[in-house]
Amino acid sequence: MANMAQSIRMALHYAEKNMQLKDVFGEDVGAPLGGVFTATQGVACAWNSPLDERGIIGMAMGIAMTGERCVAEIQFVDYIFNTIDLLKMAGNTLWTTNGNYPMPMVVMSPTGAGIRGSIYHSHSFDAWASRLPGWKVVQPSNPLDAYGLLLSAIEDPNPVLFLKPKALMRVRGEELIPGEPSDEKELKSMIDAPIGDRSQWKPRWPKVEKYLVPIGKGKITREGEEITVVSYGRHLLLCNEVADKLKAEGHSVEVIDLRSIYPYDWTMIKNSVEKTGRVLFVNEDTEVTNFGEHLAYRVTQELFYELLARPRVLASKNLPGIGLHPNLEDATVPQKHEIEALIREILEEAP
């Protein structure tokens, strides 16, 4: 099974061969590194840009305004904050030009903690991104969804922010990407560059196929009746593990992988909460003005009389940064035991 970095690499290769993707660019995206997480390794149309996030976004906007498709990478999402004004302009261009200038650009960036990256390499961006009108925002939790969401993002005429969880880039999936060889060692030998001299190396791409995950559609990863847990990215995996543990004790937890932060699958959330009467939103962005707060607010406004307990949000502590020491990171970002404890607390709350 491919890991997430490999799945992104295969999606980019498929797109450059079949979807008119002409440019993949960013800091260290081209040869010889192929990206910090090697997610662009071997991609023919990948090239290295200067260390200039504003220049990367500006270049992507210019390419997109000519009608060409591109994927621009910000090396870590921690360094996207100095481009907010340009992201706002990219988001409103299609609207302000009355549809005359589509913006088929994808901005891809590793997000979140989990790699002990300290204050400069542990940021999340999903809450900020959800407040950028005109943008679609996706965050996969597994390699197959990463492949399908990236192809959907490249195909979309709107600007799409593709947030890839840093902590999941080396995590293998449980489902094969269409056309991927079943032997992971064979896949590695085909598309992973060797350590050392790569000047003569060329990938042998598998014949992967088109597979789209619709933007705006969530996925129920665990069926349940007592409580709804909504998450995405790396914390979705933790929520699944907690649901499995509680199931062994007789509890029934429904887990939704949102996959798309905006537009999000409100119908799936609504139907699930109407069934369970309880809901918890989990993510690793900071707890103040968190995207989960918006979802909890909407649940309260539209489903108040269906609720058996107050909606809850579990997010990272509202601190200026995340410390380098593992204890500091673990005390800041939601952990599995905290998810479990809060689910138990909500289940015990009297209606």
Protein backbone atom coordinates (compact mmCIF):
# COMPACT_ATOMS: atom_id res chain seq x y z
CA MET A 1 0.00 0.00 0.00
CA ALA A 2 1.23 3.49 -0.82
CA ASN A 3 1.93 6.03 1.88
CA MET A 4 0.51 9.53 1.56
CA ALA A 5 3.65 11.03 0.01
CA GLN A 6 3.67 8.32 -2.66
CA SER A 7 -0.05 8.76 -3.35
CA ILE A 8 0.39 12.50 -3.88
CA ARG A 9 3.33 11.81 -6.17
CA MET A 10 1.26 9.40 -8.27
CA ALA A 11 -1.65 11.85 -8.44
CA LEU A 12 0.63 14.60 -9.73
CA HIS A 13 2.11 12.25 -12.32
CA TYR A 14 -1.36 11.19 -13.46
CA ALA A 15 -2.43 14.84 -13.72
CA GLU A 16 0.59 15.93 -15.75
CA LYS A 17 -0.04 13.10 -18.21
CA ASN A 18 -3.84 13.22 -18.39
CA MET A 19 -5.21 16.48 -16.94
CA GLN A 20 -3.05 19.17 -18.55
CA LEU A 21 -1.15 19.95 -15.36
CA LYS A 22 1.79 22.00 -16.62
CA ASP A 23 3.56 23.29 -13.50
CA VAL A 24 4.28 21.95 -10.02
CA PHE A 25 6.57 24.34 -8.20
CA GLY A 26 7.81 25.54 -4.82
CA GLU A 27 10.89 25.46 -2.62
CA ASP A 28 12.86 22.22 -3.23
CA VAL A 29 9.90 20.72 -5.12
CA GLY A 30 11.96 19.79 -8.16
CA ALA A 31 15.08 17.66 -8.48
CA PRO A 32 17.00 16.43 -6.62
CA LEU A 33 14.90 16.54 -3.41
CA GLY A 34 11.35 16.34 -4.74
CA GLY A 35 9.89 18.16 -1.76
CA VAL A 36 10.67 18.04 1.95
CA PHE A 37 8.43 14.96 2.25
CA THR A 38 9.39 13.70 -1.27
CA ALA A 39 5.79 14.15 -2.42
CA THR A 40 6.88 15.60 -5.79
CA GLN A 41 9.83 13.28 -6.44
CA GLY A 42 10.11 12.25 -10.07
CA VAL A 43 7.28 14.52 -11.30
CA ALA A 44 8.40 15.77 -14.71
CA CYS A 45 6.82 19.23 -14.56
CA ALA A 46 8.11 20.01 -11.03
CA TRP A 47 10.57 22.86 -10.67
CA ASN A 48 12.25 24.76 -7.86
CA SER A 49 11.25 28.31 -7.00
CA PRO A 50 13.12 30.90 -4.95
CA LEU A 51 12.49 30.95 -1.20
CA ASP A 52 9.61 33.40 -1.55
CA GLU A 53 6.11 32.38 -0.49
CA ARG A 54 4.51 35.53 -1.89
CA GLY A 55 6.28 34.96 -5.18
CA ILE A 56 5.02 31.36 -5.27
CA ILE A 57 1.38 32.39 -4.74
CA GLY A 58 1.69 35.30 -7.17
CA MET A 59 3.16 33.03 -9.83
CA ALA A 60 0.36 30.50 -9.31
CA MET A 61 -2.26 33.23 -9.70
CA GLY A 62 -0.67 34.42 -12.94
CA ILE A 63 -0.49 30.92 -14.39
CA ALA A 64 -4.09 30.21 -13.40
CA MET A 65 -5.39 33.47 -14.90
CA THR A 66 -4.08 32.35 -18.29
CA GLY A 67 -6.23 29.22 -17.95
CA GLU A 68 -3.38 26.82 -17.21
CA ARG A 69 -3.47 24.39 -14.30
CA CYS A 70 -0.77 24.45 -11.66
CA VAL A 71 0.07 23.11 -8.21
CA ALA A 72 2.11 25.45 -6.02
CA GLU A 73 3.62 24.22 -2.78
CA ILE A 74 4.31 26.22 0.34
CA GLN A 75 7.03 24.10 1.94
CA PHE A 76 5.39 24.21 5.40
CA VAL A 77 2.00 25.79 6.09
CA ASP A 78 3.68 27.73 8.92
CA TYR A 79 5.07 30.05 6.21
CA ILE A 80 1.82 30.72 4.37
CA PHE A 81 0.71 33.48 6.72
CA ASN A 82 2.59 36.21 4.84
CA THR A 83 0.49 35.45 1.74
CA ILE A 84 -2.97 36.01 3.27
CA ASP A 85 -3.71 39.12 1.18
CA LEU A 86 -2.81 37.27 -2.03
CA LEU A 87 -4.91 34.27 -1.03
CA LYS A 88 -7.84 36.63 -0.49
CA MET A 89 -7.34 38.10 -3.98
CA ALA A 90 -7.09 34.64 -5.55
CA GLY A 91 -10.33 33.68 -3.85
CA ASN A 92 -12.33 36.63 -5.13
CA THR A 93 -10.96 36.84 -8.68
CA LEU A 94 -13.52 34.54 -10.31
CA TRP A 95 -16.34 36.39 -8.56
CA THR A 96 -15.10 39.92 -9.21
CA THR A 97 -14.51 39.21 -12.92
CA ASN A 98 -18.06 37.86 -13.33
CA GLY A 99 -16.67 34.41 -14.14
CA ASN A 100 -14.31 35.60 -16.86
CA TYR A 101 -11.13 34.55 -15.07
CA PRO A 102 -11.26 31.09 -13.50
CA MET A 103 -8.46 30.31 -11.03
CA PRO A 104 -7.60 26.60 -11.51
CA MET A 105 -4.74 26.73 -9.01
CA VAL A 106 -3.96 24.33 -6.19
CA VAL A 107 -1.89 25.38 -3.21
CA MET A 108 -0.46 22.32 -1.48
CA SER A 109 1.12 22.56 1.95
CA PRO A 110 2.03 20.24 4.85
CA THR A 111 0.05 21.13 7.97
CA GLY A 112 -0.19 20.36 11.66
CA ALA A 113 2.00 18.96 14.40
CA GLY A 114 3.13 15.41 15.12
CA ILE A 115 6.68 15.62 13.75
CA ARG A 116 8.19 17.47 16.74
CA GLY A 117 8.65 20.54 14.60
CA SER A 118 8.50 23.10 17.42
CA ILE A 119 7.09 26.59 16.93
CA TYR A 120 8.06 27.06 13.26
CA HIS A 121 6.94 23.71 11.84
CA SER A 122 3.84 22.68 13.81
CA HIS A 123 1.14 25.17 12.78
CA SER A 124 -2.30 24.28 11.54
CA PHE A 125 -4.10 26.46 9.01
CA ASP A 126 -7.58 24.98 8.63
CA ALA A 127 -9.37 27.64 10.72
CA TRP A 128 -7.67 30.47 8.84
CA ALA A 129 -8.35 28.76 5.52
CA SER A 130 -12.06 28.32 6.27
CA ARG A 131 -12.33 32.12 6.42
CA LEU A 132 -10.97 32.66 2.89
CA PRO A 133 -14.03 33.22 0.66
CA GLY A 134 -13.74 31.72 -2.81
CA TRP A 135 -11.41 28.91 -1.75
CA LYS A 136 -12.12 25.23 -1.39
CA VAL A 137 -10.14 23.55 1.38
CA VAL A 138 -9.45 19.82 1.75
CA GLN A 139 -7.45 17.73 4.21
CA PRO A 140 -7.13 13.95 3.68
CA SER A 141 -6.62 11.35 6.40
CA ASN A 142 -5.34 8.50 4.21
CA PRO A 143 -3.43 7.95 0.93
CA LEU A 144 -6.41 6.96 -1.22
CA ASP A 145 -8.34 10.10 -0.24
CA ALA A 146 -5.19 12.17 -0.77
CA TYR A 147 -4.95 10.82 -4.33
CA GLY A 148 -8.64 11.40 -5.08
CA LEU A 149 -8.91 14.81 -3.44
CA LEU A 150 -5.79 16.10 -5.20
CA LEU A 151 -7.09 15.06 -8.62
CA SER A 152 -10.43 16.72 -7.82
CA ALA A 153 -8.58 19.85 -6.72
CA ILE A 154 -6.54 19.98 -9.93
CA GLU A 155 -9.69 19.53 -12.03
CA ASP A 156 -11.62 22.27 -10.18
CA PRO A 157 -11.86 25.75 -11.76
CA ASN A 158 -11.67 27.36 -8.30
CA PRO A 159 -8.58 27.80 -6.15
CA VAL A 160 -8.18 24.83 -3.82
CA LEU A 161 -6.02 24.56 -0.73
CA PHE A 162 -4.74 20.99 -0.28
CA LEU A 163 -3.55 20.55 3.30
CA LYS A 164 -1.51 17.37 3.75
CA PRO A 165 -0.94 16.34 7.39
CA LYS A 166 2.78 16.29 8.15
CA ALA A 167 2.42 13.39 10.56
CA LEU A 168 0.70 11.18 7.97
CA MET A 169 3.10 11.56 5.05
CA ARG A 170 4.80 8.22 5.79
CA VAL A 171 1.66 6.39 6.96
CA ARG A 172 0.46 3.65 4.60
CA GLY A 173 -3.15 3.26 3.60
CA GLU A 174 -5.50 0.30 3.84
CA GLU A 175 -6.85 0.56 0.28
CA LEU A 176 -5.01 0.38 -3.03
CA ILE A 177 -4.99 3.35 -5.36
CA PRO A 178 -6.42 2.16 -8.72
CA GLY A 179 -3.46 0.88 -10.75
CA GLU A 180 -1.04 0.77 -7.81
CA PRO A 181 0.95 -2.49 -7.44
CA SER A 182 -0.14 -4.47 -4.38
CA ASP A 183 3.45 -5.10 -3.25
CA GLU A 184 4.69 -1.99 -1.41
CA LYS A 185 8.33 -2.98 -2.02
CA GLU A 186 7.65 -3.08 -5.74
CA LEU A 187 6.07 0.38 -5.59
CA LYS A 188 9.05 1.71 -3.65
CA SER A 189 11.48 0.33 -6.22
CA MET A 190 9.47 2.00 -8.99
CA ILE A 191 8.91 5.54 -7.69
CA ASP A 192 11.19 6.18 -4.68
CA ALA A 193 14.53 7.72 -5.60
CA PRO A 194 17.63 6.07 -4.11
CA ILE A 195 19.63 7.73 -1.37
CA GLY A 196 22.73 9.41 -2.73
CA ASP A 197 23.33 10.29 -6.36
CA ARG A 198 19.99 10.72 -8.14
CA SER A 199 21.28 12.42 -11.27
CA GLN A 200 20.56 9.40 -13.51
CA TRP A 201 17.45 8.13 -11.68
CA LYS A 202 14.08 8.11 -13.38
CA PRO A 203 10.83 6.73 -11.92
CA ARG A 204 8.95 3.82 -13.46
CA TRP A 205 5.40 4.98 -12.95
CA PRO A 206 2.63 2.43 -12.41
CA LYS A 207 -0.41 2.80 -14.66
CA VAL A 208 -2.56 4.53 -12.08
CA GLU A 209 -6.11 5.44 -13.03
CA LYS A 210 -8.39 8.40 -12.53
CA TYR A 211 -10.03 8.35 -9.11
CA LEU A 212 -11.86 11.36 -7.74
CA VAL A 213 -13.05 12.08 -4.21
CA PRO A 214 -15.74 14.78 -4.59
CA ILE A 215 -14.86 17.98 -2.77
CA GLY A 216 -17.51 18.63 -0.12
CA LYS A 217 -18.35 14.98 0.59
CA GLY A 218 -17.50 13.42 3.94
CA LYS A 219 -17.19 9.75 4.80
CA ILE A 220 -18.49 7.75 7.73
CA THR A 221 -15.54 5.67 8.91
CA ARG A 222 -17.28 4.09 11.92
CA GLU A 223 -21.05 3.50 12.20
CA GLY A 224 -22.60 4.33 15.56
CA GLU A 225 -25.76 5.28 17.45
CA GLU A 226 -24.74 7.05 20.67
CA ILE A 227 -22.49 9.95 19.66
CA THR A 228 -21.13 11.58 16.50
CA VAL A 229 -17.42 12.45 16.32
CA VAL A 230 -16.37 14.70 13.44
CA SER A 231 -12.70 15.11 12.50
CA TYR A 232 -10.24 15.17 9.59
CA GLY A 233 -6.54 14.76 8.89
CA ARG A 234 -4.40 12.87 11.39
CA HIS A 235 -6.85 13.19 14.28
CA LEU A 236 -9.41 11.22 12.30
CA LEU A 237 -7.22 8.15 12.81
CA LEU A 238 -7.12 8.75 16.56
CA CYS A 239 -10.91 9.09 16.64
CA ASN A 240 -11.25 5.77 14.79
CA GLU A 241 -9.00 4.08 17.36
CA VAL A 242 -11.03 5.47 20.25
CA ALA A 243 -14.30 4.39 18.60
CA ASP A 244 -12.93 0.86 18.20
CA LYS A 245 -11.85 0.72 21.83
CA LEU A 246 -15.22 1.94 23.09
CA LYS A 247 -17.06 -0.46 20.80
CA ALA A 248 -15.36 -3.34 22.60
CA GLU A 249 -16.92 -1.96 25.80
CA GLY A 250 -20.39 -1.80 24.28
CA HIS A 251 -20.49 1.85 23.22
CA SER A 252 -21.54 2.90 19.71
CA VAL A 253 -19.54 5.84 18.31
CA GLU A 254 -20.10 7.21 14.82
CA VAL A 255 -17.01 8.81 13.26
CA ILE A 256 -17.18 11.19 10.29
CA ASP A 257 -14.12 12.03 8.22
CA LEU A 258 -15.01 15.49 6.96
CA ARG A 259 -12.29 15.36 4.23
CA SER A 260 -13.38 18.79 2.95
CA ILE A 261 -13.21 21.70 5.39
CA TYR A 262 -14.96 23.94 2.89
CA PRO A 263 -17.41 23.25 1.44
CA TYR A 264 -18.21 20.74 4.17
CA ASP A 265 -20.75 17.94 4.22
CA TRP A 266 -23.44 19.47 6.42
CA THR A 267 -26.01 16.90 5.31
CA MET A 268 -23.86 14.06 6.65
CA ILE A 269 -23.26 15.86 9.95
CA LYS A 270 -26.93 16.77 10.30
CA ASN A 271 -28.20 13.25 9.63
CA SER A 272 -25.71 11.75 12.06
CA VAL A 273 -26.43 14.21 14.89
CA GLU A 274 -30.19 13.74 14.43
CA LYS A 275 -29.55 10.02 14.94
CA THR A 276 -27.16 10.19 17.91
CA GLY A 277 -28.15 13.42 19.69
CA ARG A 278 -24.54 14.04 20.75
CA VAL A 279 -21.55 15.44 18.86
CA LEU A 280 -17.86 16.14 19.36
CA PHE A 281 -15.66 18.03 16.87
CA VAL A 282 -11.92 17.22 17.01
CA ASN A 283 -9.02 18.95 15.24
CA GLU A 284 -5.55 20.29 16.03
CA ASP A 285 -5.93 23.99 15.25
CA THR A 286 -6.06 26.35 18.22
CA GLU A 287 -9.24 26.37 20.27
CA VAL A 288 -10.14 30.07 19.92
CA THR A 289 -12.06 30.83 16.68
CA ASN A 290 -11.60 27.20 15.73
CA PHE A 291 -13.42 25.82 12.67
CA GLY A 292 -15.03 23.25 14.96
CA GLU A 293 -16.65 26.12 16.84
CA HIS A 294 -18.50 27.13 13.69
CA LEU A 295 -19.76 23.56 13.26
CA ALA A 296 -20.83 23.40 16.92
CA TYR A 297 -22.63 26.74 16.54
CA ARG A 298 -24.48 25.53 13.45
CA VAL A 299 -25.49 22.31 15.19
CA THR A 300 -26.82 24.34 18.11
CA GLN A 301 -28.74 26.72 15.86
CA GLU A 302 -30.29 24.16 13.53
CA LEU A 303 -30.49 21.00 15.62
CA PHE A 304 -31.04 22.32 19.15
CA TYR A 305 -34.16 20.28 19.84
CA GLU A 306 -32.49 17.09 18.58
CA LEU A 307 -29.63 17.31 21.07
CA LEU A 308 -29.26 15.17 24.19
CA ALA A 309 -26.05 16.95 25.26
CA ARG A 310 -24.27 20.19 24.40
CA PRO A 311 -21.96 20.06 21.35
CA ARG A 312 -18.28 20.03 22.26
CA VAL A 313 -15.01 20.95 20.54
CA LEU A 314 -11.60 19.45 21.31
CA ALA A 315 -8.73 21.43 19.81
CA SER A 316 -5.20 22.60 20.58
CA LYS A 317 -4.49 24.95 23.46
CA ASN A 318 -4.53 28.64 22.55
CA LEU A 319 -0.79 29.21 22.94
CA PRO A 320 1.64 31.27 20.82
CA GLY A 321 3.33 28.10 19.58
CA ILE A 322 4.06 24.42 20.13
CA GLY A 323 7.16 23.52 22.09
CA LEU A 324 9.94 21.29 20.79
CA HIS A 325 9.96 18.86 23.72
CA PRO A 326 7.55 15.95 23.16
CA ASN A 327 5.85 16.64 26.50
CA LEU A 328 5.11 20.21 25.45
CA GLU A 329 3.66 19.17 22.09
CA ASP A 330 1.58 16.39 23.66
CA ALA A 331 0.23 18.79 26.27
CA THR A 332 -0.77 21.29 23.58
CA VAL A 333 -2.26 19.15 20.79
CA PRO A 334 -5.25 16.81 21.44
CA GLN A 335 -4.17 13.28 22.33
CA LYS A 336 -6.04 9.99 22.07
CA HIS A 337 -6.69 9.75 25.82
CA GLU A 338 -8.26 13.21 25.77
CA ILE A 339 -10.59 12.23 22.92
CA GLU A 340 -11.62 9.12 24.83
CA ALA A 341 -12.18 10.99 28.10
CA LEU A 342 -14.34 13.66 26.45
CA ILE A 343 -16.45 11.10 24.58
CA ARG A 344 -17.08 9.28 27.86
CA GLU A 345 -18.01 12.56 29.53
CA ILE A 346 -20.48 13.48 26.79
CA LEU A 347 -22.05 10.02 26.88
CA GLU A 348 -22.62 10.38 30.62
CA GLU A 349 -24.15 13.84 30.32
CA ALA A 350 -27.84 13.68 31.17
CA PRO A 351 -30.29 14.99 28.54
